[in-house]
Amino acid sequence: MSDPQTEETRRIVKRFTLDCEQDFPLTDPSDEGWKDRLWELFEELVHPDIILHGVPGLKQGSRPWYDRFVSVGANFPDGLTTIDVLTAEGDKATMVWTWEATHRREVMGSPPTGKKVKVQAVMVQRVENGKIVEHWVGFDSLRWLEQLGLVSGDISAIGKGHAVN
């Protein structure tokens, strides 16, 4: 049986991940209430001074991270995350998740294509006093950019036949 800190960490990280999508898919894009509900979740579970690792171009803190969630939610209004693996030990949880969505609005200069995108990521979050205080993420950004049409070519050949030391 795991200790109380481990169980609290697992519960908070799982709840945050799943509840971020409580309003998805967005059936009425004109309903802005989802943003308020998302911010309430951030206020409850994310420390205002959260340290973010692996989120390029994003300032530290809960507000910039929330703004990124809002942008992604608006651009991919049917986005849904599947938790593939979730483990916790003490104050840290590690999660492998898969996110699927439809490209509905312009992203990084790419007009909406209506295509489905699917990415997988590995995330570690540290919880302290009931709030997520640190977040690491790594995801297959090249595959995501390829699915959006922002890079072209066969990226599946990258790295094949090369030894990694």
C-alpha atoms as a PDB file:
ATOM      1  CA  MET A   1       0.000   0.000   0.000  1.00  0.00           C
ATOM      2  CA  SER A   2       1.344   3.442  -0.874  1.00  0.00           C
ATOM      3  CA  ASP A   3       1.765   6.318   1.523  1.00  0.00           C
ATOM      4  CA  PRO A   4      -0.696   9.250   1.827  1.00  0.00           C
ATOM      5  CA  GLN A   5       1.608  11.677  -0.044  1.00  0.00           C
ATOM      6  CA  THR A   6       1.821   9.307  -3.022  1.00  0.00           C
ATOM      7  CA  GLU A   7      -1.960   8.860  -3.097  1.00  0.00           C
ATOM      8  CA  GLU A   8      -2.562  12.626  -2.879  1.00  0.00           C
ATOM      9  CA  THR A   9      -0.066  13.233  -5.699  1.00  0.00           C
ATOM     10  CA  ARG A  10      -1.709  10.602  -7.917  1.00  0.00           C
ATOM     11  CA  ARG A  11      -5.204  11.986  -7.197  1.00  0.00           C
ATOM     12  CA  ILE A  12      -4.287  15.620  -7.899  1.00  0.00           C
ATOM     13  CA  VAL A  13      -2.379  14.919 -11.120  1.00  0.00           C
ATOM     14  CA  LYS A  14      -5.098  12.621 -12.475  1.00  0.00           C
ATOM     15  CA  ARG A  15      -7.877  15.046 -11.541  1.00  0.00           C
ATOM     16  CA  PHE A  16      -6.068  18.001 -13.095  1.00  0.00           C
ATOM     17  CA  THR A  17      -5.457  16.106 -16.345  1.00  0.00           C
ATOM     18  CA  LEU A  18      -9.011  14.849 -16.713  1.00  0.00           C
ATOM     19  CA  ASP A  19     -10.826  17.928 -15.386  1.00  0.00           C
ATOM     20  CA  CYS A  20      -8.966  20.242 -17.771  1.00  0.00           C
ATOM     21  CA  GLU A  21     -11.173  18.674 -20.425  1.00  0.00           C
ATOM     22  CA  GLN A  22     -14.437  18.661 -18.469  1.00  0.00           C
ATOM     23  CA  ASP A  23     -16.079  20.861 -21.127  1.00  0.00           C
ATOM     24  CA  PHE A  24     -14.644  19.083 -24.173  1.00  0.00           C
ATOM     25  CA  PRO A  25     -15.602  18.556 -26.853  1.00  0.00           C
ATOM     26  CA  LEU A  26     -16.857  22.128 -26.995  1.00  0.00           C
ATOM     27  CA  THR A  27     -20.351  21.801 -28.419  1.00  0.00           C
ATOM     28  CA  ASP A  28     -20.931  25.563 -28.452  1.00  0.00           C
ATOM     29  CA  PRO A  29     -17.701  27.463 -29.239  1.00  0.00           C
ATOM     30  CA  SER A  30     -19.440  30.757 -28.403  1.00  0.00           C
ATOM     31  CA  ASP A  31     -19.891  29.616 -24.775  1.00  0.00           C
ATOM     32  CA  GLU A  32     -16.947  31.183 -22.965  1.00  0.00           C
ATOM     33  CA  GLY A  33     -17.851  29.641 -19.589  1.00  0.00           C
ATOM     34  CA  TRP A  34     -15.370  26.820 -20.084  1.00  0.00           C
ATOM     35  CA  LYS A  35     -12.513  29.301 -19.651  1.00  0.00           C
ATOM     36  CA  ASP A  36     -13.816  30.347 -16.226  1.00  0.00           C
ATOM     37  CA  ARG A  37     -14.223  26.732 -15.126  1.00  0.00           C
ATOM     38  CA  LEU A  38     -10.705  25.951 -16.337  1.00  0.00           C
ATOM     39  CA  TRP A  39      -9.272  28.931 -14.421  1.00  0.00           C
ATOM     40  CA  GLU A  40     -11.074  27.768 -11.250  1.00  0.00           C
ATOM     41  CA  LEU A  41      -9.369  24.387 -11.653  1.00  0.00           C
ATOM     42  CA  PHE A  42      -5.991  26.091 -12.109  1.00  0.00           C
ATOM     43  CA  GLU A  43      -6.558  28.214  -9.000  1.00  0.00           C
ATOM     44  CA  GLU A  44      -7.436  25.121  -6.994  1.00  0.00           C
ATOM     45  CA  LEU A  45      -4.724  22.713  -8.165  1.00  0.00           C
ATOM     46  CA  VAL A  46      -1.831  24.721  -9.673  1.00  0.00           C
ATOM     47  CA  HIS A  47       0.537  26.879  -7.633  1.00  0.00           C
ATOM     48  CA  PRO A  48       0.641  30.465  -9.011  1.00  0.00           C
ATOM     49  CA  ASP A  49       4.449  30.257  -9.292  1.00  0.00           C
ATOM     50  CA  ILE A  50       4.590  26.814 -10.912  1.00  0.00           C
ATOM     51  CA  ILE A  51       7.934  26.000 -12.520  1.00  0.00           C
ATOM     52  CA  LEU A  52       7.458  24.796 -16.110  1.00  0.00           C
ATOM     53  CA  HIS A  53      10.061  22.670 -17.910  1.00  0.00           C
ATOM     54  CA  GLY A  54       9.840  21.672 -21.575  1.00  0.00           C
ATOM     55  CA  VAL A  55       7.222  24.258 -22.524  1.00  0.00           C
ATOM     56  CA  PRO A  56       9.138  26.426 -25.031  1.00  0.00           C
ATOM     57  CA  GLY A  57       8.371  30.120 -25.239  1.00  0.00           C
ATOM     58  CA  LEU A  58       6.165  30.126 -22.167  1.00  0.00           C
ATOM     59  CA  LYS A  59       6.750  32.350 -19.148  1.00  0.00           C
ATOM     60  CA  GLN A  60       6.698  30.698 -15.739  1.00  0.00           C
ATOM     61  CA  GLY A  61       3.557  30.667 -13.612  1.00  0.00           C
ATOM     62  CA  SER A  62       0.017  29.379 -13.658  1.00  0.00           C
ATOM     63  CA  ARG A  63      -1.470  32.247 -15.704  1.00  0.00           C
ATOM     64  CA  PRO A  64       0.759  31.796 -18.790  1.00  0.00           C
ATOM     65  CA  TRP A  65       0.189  28.027 -18.594  1.00  0.00           C
ATOM     66  CA  TYR A  66      -3.572  28.566 -18.347  1.00  0.00           C
ATOM     67  CA  ASP A  67      -3.419  30.913 -21.369  1.00  0.00           C
ATOM     68  CA  ARG A  68      -1.684  28.129 -23.349  1.00  0.00           C
ATOM     69  CA  PHE A  69      -4.457  25.689 -22.375  1.00  0.00           C
ATOM     70  CA  VAL A  70      -7.094  28.206 -23.530  1.00  0.00           C
ATOM     71  CA  SER A  71      -5.321  28.682 -26.865  1.00  0.00           C
ATOM     72  CA  VAL A  72      -5.043  24.939 -27.469  1.00  0.00           C
ATOM     73  CA  GLY A  73      -8.672  24.424 -26.403  1.00  0.00           C
ATOM     74  CA  ALA A  74      -9.904  27.116 -28.790  1.00  0.00           C
ATOM     75  CA  ASN A  75      -7.839  25.790 -31.705  1.00  0.00           C
ATOM     76  CA  PHE A  76      -8.660  22.123 -31.057  1.00  0.00           C
ATOM     77  CA  PRO A  77     -12.145  22.232 -29.461  1.00  0.00           C
ATOM     78  CA  ASP A  78     -12.639  18.472 -29.474  1.00  0.00           C
ATOM     79  CA  GLY A  79      -9.289  17.611 -27.857  1.00  0.00           C
ATOM     80  CA  LEU A  80      -9.326  14.643 -25.521  1.00  0.00           C
ATOM     81  CA  THR A  81      -6.541  13.096 -23.470  1.00  0.00           C
ATOM     82  CA  THR A  82      -6.208   9.422 -22.671  1.00  0.00           C
ATOM     83  CA  ILE A  83      -4.036   8.527 -19.693  1.00  0.00           C
ATOM     84  CA  ASP A  84      -1.940   5.574 -20.848  1.00  0.00           C
ATOM     85  CA  VAL A  85       0.259   5.217 -17.747  1.00  0.00           C
ATOM     86  CA  LEU A  86       0.155   6.970 -14.373  1.00  0.00           C
ATOM     87  CA  THR A  87       2.593   6.228 -11.583  1.00  0.00           C
ATOM     88  CA  ALA A  88       3.343   8.183  -8.440  1.00  0.00           C
ATOM     89  CA  GLU A  89       5.954   8.074  -5.725  1.00  0.00           C
ATOM     90  CA  GLY A  90       5.957  10.617  -2.935  1.00  0.00           C
ATOM     91  CA  ASP A  91       5.491  14.121  -4.312  1.00  0.00           C
ATOM     92  CA  LYS A  92       6.010  13.234  -8.013  1.00  0.00           C
ATOM     93  CA  ALA A  93       3.754  11.605 -10.586  1.00  0.00           C
ATOM     94  CA  THR A  94       4.747  10.431 -14.037  1.00  0.00           C
ATOM     95  CA  MET A  95       2.178  10.116 -16.775  1.00  0.00           C
ATOM     96  CA  VAL A  96       2.210   8.956 -20.374  1.00  0.00           C
ATOM     97  CA  TRP A  97      -0.769  10.364 -22.226  1.00  0.00           C
ATOM     98  CA  THR A  98      -2.161  10.477 -25.735  1.00  0.00           C
ATOM     99  CA  TRP A  99      -4.008  13.546 -26.995  1.00  0.00           C
ATOM    100  CA  GLU A 100      -6.280  13.502 -30.043  1.00  0.00           C
ATOM    101  CA  ALA A 101      -8.049  16.486 -31.579  1.00  0.00           C
ATOM    102  CA  THR A 102      -9.202  18.110 -34.801  1.00  0.00           C
ATOM    103  CA  HIS A 103      -7.383  21.144 -36.202  1.00  0.00           C
ATOM    104  CA  ARG A 104     -10.218  23.741 -36.273  1.00  0.00           C
ATOM    105  CA  ARG A 105      -8.453  27.133 -36.128  1.00  0.00           C
ATOM    106  CA  GLU A 106      -5.179  28.645 -37.296  1.00  0.00           C
ATOM    107  CA  VAL A 107      -2.125  27.364 -35.443  1.00  0.00           C
ATOM    108  CA  MET A 108       1.333  28.886 -35.969  1.00  0.00           C
ATOM    109  CA  GLY A 109       0.286  30.268 -39.350  1.00  0.00           C
ATOM    110  CA  SER A 110      -1.268  27.003 -40.523  1.00  0.00           C
ATOM    111  CA  PRO A 111      -4.916  27.468 -41.539  1.00  0.00           C
ATOM    112  CA  PRO A 112      -7.392  24.960 -40.116  1.00  0.00           C
ATOM    113  CA  THR A 113      -7.292  21.683 -42.005  1.00  0.00           C
ATOM    114  CA  GLY A 114     -10.032  19.721 -40.275  1.00  0.00           C
ATOM    115  CA  LYS A 115      -7.486  16.916 -39.894  1.00  0.00           C
ATOM    116  CA  LYS A 116      -7.198  14.792 -36.787  1.00  0.00           C
ATOM    117  CA  VAL A 117      -3.930  15.112 -34.899  1.00  0.00           C
ATOM    118  CA  LYS A 118      -2.620  12.652 -32.365  1.00  0.00           C
ATOM    119  CA  VAL A 119       0.397  13.107 -30.110  1.00  0.00           C
ATOM    120  CA  GLN A 120       1.832  11.233 -27.197  1.00  0.00           C
ATOM    121  CA  ALA A 121       3.692  12.814 -24.293  1.00  0.00           C
ATOM    122  CA  VAL A 122       5.490  11.985 -21.086  1.00  0.00           C
ATOM    123  CA  MET A 123       4.874  14.310 -18.168  1.00  0.00           C
ATOM    124  CA  VAL A 124       6.183  14.556 -14.618  1.00  0.00           C
ATOM    125  CA  GLN A 125       4.497  16.768 -12.047  1.00  0.00           C
ATOM    126  CA  ARG A 126       5.541  17.571  -8.493  1.00  0.00           C
ATOM    127  CA  VAL A 127       2.853  18.256  -5.898  1.00  0.00           C
ATOM    128  CA  GLU A 128       3.334  20.206  -2.686  1.00  0.00           C
ATOM    129  CA  ASN A 129       0.606  21.169  -0.196  1.00  0.00           C
ATOM    130  CA  GLY A 130      -2.155  20.053  -2.567  1.00  0.00           C
ATOM    131  CA  LYS A 131      -0.950  21.997  -5.612  1.00  0.00           C
ATOM    132  CA  ILE A 132       1.123  21.199  -8.679  1.00  0.00           C
ATOM    133  CA  VAL A 133       4.322  23.204  -8.167  1.00  0.00           C
ATOM    134  CA  GLU A 134       6.514  21.845 -10.956  1.00  0.00           C
ATOM    135  CA  HIS A 135       5.787  20.392 -14.400  1.00  0.00           C
ATOM    136  CA  TRP A 136       8.019  18.676 -16.961  1.00  0.00           C
ATOM    137  CA  VAL A 137       6.740  17.568 -20.366  1.00  0.00           C
ATOM    138  CA  GLY A 138       8.209  16.011 -23.477  1.00  0.00           C
ATOM    139  CA  PHE A 139       6.113  15.227 -26.519  1.00  0.00           C
ATOM    140  CA  ASP A 140       6.548  14.294 -30.158  1.00  0.00           C
ATOM    141  CA  SER A 141       6.395  17.865 -31.437  1.00  0.00           C
ATOM    142  CA  LEU A 142       7.855  16.943 -34.826  1.00  0.00           C
ATOM    143  CA  ARG A 143       5.047  14.439 -35.479  1.00  0.00           C
ATOM    144  CA  TRP A 144       2.492  17.060 -34.337  1.00  0.00           C
ATOM    145  CA  LEU A 145       3.970  19.694 -36.701  1.00  0.00           C
ATOM    146  CA  GLU A 146       3.919  17.144 -39.530  1.00  0.00           C
ATOM    147  CA  GLN A 147       0.237  16.398 -38.879  1.00  0.00           C
ATOM    148  CA  LEU A 148      -0.516  20.138 -39.004  1.00  0.00           C
ATOM    149  CA  GLY A 149       1.337  20.400 -42.316  1.00  0.00           C
ATOM    150  CA  LEU A 150       4.025  22.695 -40.902  1.00  0.00           C
ATOM    151  CA  VAL A 151       6.847  20.291 -41.781  1.00  0.00           C
ATOM    152  CA  SER A 152       6.902  17.967 -44.742  1.00  0.00           C
ATOM    153  CA  GLY A 153       8.623  14.798 -45.756  1.00  0.00           C
ATOM    154  CA  ASP A 154       8.930  11.372 -44.245  1.00  0.00           C
ATOM    155  CA  ILE A 155      10.057  11.998 -40.697  1.00  0.00           C
ATOM    156  CA  SER A 156       9.780   8.297 -39.826  1.00  0.00           C
ATOM    157  CA  ALA A 157      13.255   7.754 -41.302  1.00  0.00           C
ATOM    158  CA  ILE A 158      14.917  10.243 -38.968  1.00  0.00           C
ATOM    159  CA  GLY A 159      17.416   8.503 -36.745  1.00  0.00           C
ATOM    160  CA  LYS A 160      17.102   5.079 -38.387  1.00  0.00           C
ATOM    161  CA  GLY A 161      20.389   3.343 -38.936  1.00  0.00           C
ATOM    162  CA  HIS A 162      22.293   5.649 -36.634  1.00  0.00           C
ATOM    163  CA  ALA A 163      23.788   4.482 -33.380  1.00  0.00           C
ATOM    164  CA  VAL A 164      23.074   6.522 -30.314  1.00  0.00           C
ATOM    165  CA  ASN A 165      25.921   6.699 -27.830  1.00  0.00           C
END
